[in-house]
Protein backbone atom coordinates (compact mmCIF):
# COMPACT_ATOMS: atom_id res chain seq x y z
CA MET A 1 91.38 124.22 120.13
CA THR A 2 92.33 121.22 118.36
CA PRO A 3 95.56 119.59 116.79
CA ARG A 4 95.65 119.14 113.39
CA PHE A 5 97.60 116.44 111.70
CA ASP A 6 100.56 118.49 109.91
CA SER A 7 103.54 116.16 109.28
CA ILE A 8 105.62 112.92 109.36
CA SER A 9 109.22 112.86 110.24
CA LEU A 10 111.96 110.60 109.30
CA VAL A 11 115.04 110.25 110.61
CA ALA A 12 118.25 109.99 108.42
CA SER A 13 121.52 108.52 109.09
CA ASP A 14 122.65 109.39 105.30
CA MET A 15 120.64 112.59 103.97
CA ALA A 16 121.95 112.06 100.30
CA ALA A 17 120.99 108.62 100.38
CA SER A 18 117.46 108.92 101.77
CA LEU A 19 116.49 111.72 99.94
CA ALA A 20 117.80 109.76 96.51
CA PHE A 21 115.61 106.85 97.32
CA TYR A 22 112.25 109.10 98.22
CA ARG A 23 113.35 111.00 94.72
CA ARG A 24 113.00 107.61 92.52
CA LEU A 25 109.55 107.20 94.09
CA GLY A 26 108.55 110.66 92.53
CA LEU A 27 108.51 113.22 95.67
CA ASP A 28 109.84 116.71 94.47
CA ILE A 29 112.72 117.52 96.55
CA PRO A 30 114.83 120.27 95.99
CA PRO A 31 117.92 120.07 94.55
CA GLY A 32 120.87 120.57 97.06
CA ALA A 33 119.14 119.30 99.84
CA GLU A 34 121.21 116.63 100.48
CA THR A 35 123.55 118.91 102.32
CA ALA A 36 120.90 120.20 104.68
CA PRO A 37 120.74 118.79 108.17
CA HIS A 38 116.89 119.36 107.92
CA VAL A 39 114.71 118.57 104.41
CA GLU A 40 110.72 119.30 104.31
CA VAL A 41 108.44 118.65 101.57
CA THR A 42 104.87 119.45 101.00
CA LEU A 43 103.10 116.47 100.09
CA PRO A 44 99.39 116.61 97.87
CA GLY A 45 96.99 117.69 100.59
CA GLY A 46 99.11 119.76 102.25
CA VAL A 47 100.83 117.20 104.93
CA ARG A 48 104.43 117.86 104.97
CA LEU A 49 107.32 114.94 104.81
CA LEU A 50 110.28 115.93 107.30
CA TRP A 51 113.74 114.52 107.17
CA ASP A 52 116.36 115.46 109.89
CA THR A 53 119.80 113.81 110.28
CA GLU A 54 120.78 111.98 113.37
CA ASP A 55 122.84 114.97 114.71
CA VAL A 56 119.73 117.07 114.67
CA ILE A 57 117.68 114.73 116.81
CA ARG A 58 120.76 114.27 119.24
CA SER A 59 120.74 118.13 119.32
CA PHE A 60 117.45 118.60 121.25
CA ASP A 61 117.63 114.93 122.63
CA PRO A 62 121.20 114.07 123.30
CA GLY A 63 120.32 110.30 124.71
CA TRP A 64 118.40 109.28 121.14
CA THR A 65 119.75 106.32 119.86
CA PRO A 66 118.42 104.94 116.31
CA PRO A 67 115.48 102.46 116.81
CA SER A 68 115.98 98.50 116.69
CA GLY A 69 114.00 95.22 116.66
CA GLY A 70 111.30 96.11 113.84
CA ASP A 71 109.19 98.74 112.18
CA ARG A 72 106.95 100.99 114.03
CA SER A 73 106.12 102.69 111.38
CA GLY A 74 106.19 102.89 107.42
CA LEU A 75 105.02 104.93 104.49
CA ALA A 76 102.64 103.81 101.52
CA PHE A 77 102.77 104.58 97.81
CA ARG A 78 99.96 103.90 95.70
CA CYS A 79 101.04 103.05 92.19
CA ALA A 80 98.63 103.19 89.26
CA ASP A 81 98.15 99.34 88.97
CA ALA A 82 99.69 95.85 89.78
CA GLY A 83 102.15 96.27 86.88
CA GLU A 84 103.36 99.65 88.28
CA VAL A 85 103.73 98.04 91.69
CA ASP A 86 106.27 95.08 90.14
CA ALA A 87 107.80 97.84 87.96
CA VAL A 88 108.62 100.30 90.73
CA TYR A 89 109.88 97.26 93.04
CA ALA A 90 112.23 95.68 90.20
CA GLU A 91 113.69 99.53 89.69
CA LEU A 92 114.36 99.85 93.16
CA THR A 93 115.81 96.92 94.07
CA ALA A 94 117.84 97.00 90.58
CA ALA A 95 119.44 99.96 92.24
CA GLY A 96 120.64 98.36 95.32
CA TYR A 97 117.67 99.11 97.84
CA THR A 98 116.96 95.99 99.88
CA GLY A 99 113.32 94.47 99.00
CA HIS A 100 111.47 93.24 102.13
CA LEU A 101 108.63 91.65 101.03
CA ALA A 102 108.24 90.95 96.68
CA PRO A 103 105.32 91.82 95.07
CA TRP A 104 102.14 89.48 95.41
CA ASP A 105 98.68 89.67 95.20
CA ALA A 106 96.93 90.40 98.77
CA VAL A 107 94.13 88.61 99.95
CA TRP A 108 92.69 91.97 100.58
CA GLY A 109 92.55 92.83 96.82
CA GLN A 110 95.80 94.67 96.20
CA ARG A 111 98.90 94.05 94.45
CA TYR A 112 101.35 94.62 97.38
CA ALA A 113 105.20 94.76 98.12
CA VAL A 114 107.57 96.47 100.71
CA ILE A 115 110.88 97.83 100.16
CA LEU A 116 113.52 99.08 102.68
CA ASP A 117 114.72 103.04 102.52
CA PRO A 118 118.30 103.44 103.37
CA ASP A 119 117.72 103.48 106.78
CA GLY A 120 115.66 100.57 107.34
CA THR A 121 111.90 102.11 107.26
CA GLY A 122 109.52 99.93 105.32
CA VAL A 123 108.15 101.67 102.39
CA SER A 124 104.71 99.85 100.95
CA LEU A 125 104.20 99.67 97.10
CA PHE A 126 100.37 98.97 96.72
CA ALA A 127 97.72 99.16 93.59
CA ASP A 128 93.85 98.08 93.83
CA THR A 129 93.43 94.54 92.40
CA ALA A 130 89.86 93.90 92.77
CA PRO A 131 86.86 96.31 93.36
CA GLU A 132 86.83 98.36 97.11
CA LYS A 133 85.53 96.17 99.56
CA ASP A 134 82.60 97.57 101.74
CA THR A 135 84.15 99.53 104.44
CA ALA A 136 80.75 99.81 106.44
CA PRO A 137 81.08 98.95 109.86
CA GLY A 138 81.78 95.74 111.17
CA LYS A 139 83.13 94.70 107.14
CA ASP A 140 86.66 93.51 106.45
CA THR A 141 89.07 96.26 105.67
CA ALA A 142 92.41 96.43 104.22
CA PRO A 143 95.46 97.15 106.25
CA GLY A 144 95.25 100.73 106.89
CA LYS A 145 91.82 101.15 105.68
CA ALA A 146 89.42 101.84 108.43
CA ALA A 147 85.77 101.30 108.43
CA VAL A 148 84.17 104.63 108.47
């Protein structure tokens, strides 16, 4: 038997704020979910994205404390093109979310930006600006793109 990757879990200090942020990124989160202590959505491809309140986490891990000192994980959203990266970043920062890295043309051939969700998780926005790089073993690859 082999375990199957199934979900990504986020801990929300403010469920309503977290869900509002991810709705702005196009996730179909059910209305009224803001009051639930646990929320799930199934993403294209079947992987689930889960949110739990800090109280839910402490209910089974009483010593849990929010992480500090930098990112250990992040999420990434592919945009249609470089203009959409800029537009989504501008819309989110105008709505009061914290921009971490303003859009730039990365050396790996993508327009790239990072915005923070309400709990400080880095959320990358990206779009290809150049043809895909050769991903044969030993070739350079973009972050998050493993050579196969």
